[in-house]
Amino acid sequence: MKIAGAVSLVTGANGGLGQAYIEALLAAGAAKVYAAARRPDSVVVSAPGRVVPIALDVTDERSVAAAAAVATDVTLVINNAGVALNYGGFVTAGNTAAARQEMEVNYFGTWWVSRAFAPVLKANSGGAFANVLSILALVTAPIIGTYSASKAAALALTRSLRAELAAQGTQVIAVLPGTIDTPMSKDYPDPKVSVAEVAALTLRAIEEGISEVYPGEQASRLAEQLLSDPKAVEKQMSSLLPTA
C-alpha cells in the first residue's frame, strides 16, 4: 500500500520510536496520524490537524474498542507499543509480575489492537498492520528471556494474522529490529539501530509488500545466520546468561 494519503494509527506514540514513526509518516505524505498513548497529552504534536492524539491503553480491551470506534478512517496500524521490564532468566527472574506485564503489552496488546482494527481496515480497502517485534522473537537471549518469549508469541500472532487477514486484502508485516538506540538501551553494546532507520525501513516494507523486515546490522546479520546455522546462533545467544 502507499503511505501517501494513508490514515495511520501508531500505538506507543509518546516514546522515541513512536515519535519517529509519526515524523516518517508525515514526511511520506500520510494524510493523518492518530498518535495513540495512555496519556494523549504526553504526545508531541508536530503537525496540528494531521497528528491527532488519542487515548489508548493496549492492555484494556474497552480502551482499544473505544479508539477503534473513533478512528474509523484508519488504513494503517503500527503496533509499536512495547515494554521490556524483566531482566534475567526464567529461573533467576525475581519479578514474575513484570514478565506477565510484558506479555500483556507485547502480545495481548498487539492482539487486542489487531482484532479491534481488522474490521476497520477491511472497511477501508484492506490496509496494513505493521507489528513492531524484535529479532529476539526468533532467537532467545537468556539475559532477557521473558521479553524474548513475549516477542516470540507476538511473532506467532503476526504470522497467523497474515494468513487470516489475507482474504480481506490486509498486509501484516513483522518488524524485527536489533537493539534500538534509545535511553533504555544505553548500557547495551553496539551495534544499535536508530529509531529513524527502524521507521524508514518499516514504511518501505509496507510500500513494497515485504512481510518481514530486519532493521539494523545486528538484526540483519542474525537473520542471515539463522538461515544458515540456527544452532550456532542459539549457542551464541545462550552465552549471554543472566547473573544469579
Foldseek 3Di string as FASTA:
>chain_A
DALAQAEEEEEPLLDPLNVLLVVVSVVSHHQAYAREYCDQVSHDDPDPPRYHYAYADLLDLVRLLVVCVVPLRHQEYELDDADQDWFAAPVPTPDVVSLVVRLSRLPSSVVSNCVNCLVSNLVVQAHEYEYEAALLLVEPQRRRHSNSVSSVNNVVVQVVVCVVSVVSPYAGAYEHEYAAPDPVCPVPDDDHFYSNQSSVVSNVCRVVVPRYYYPDPVRVVVVVCCVVPVVVSNVVSHVNHHDD
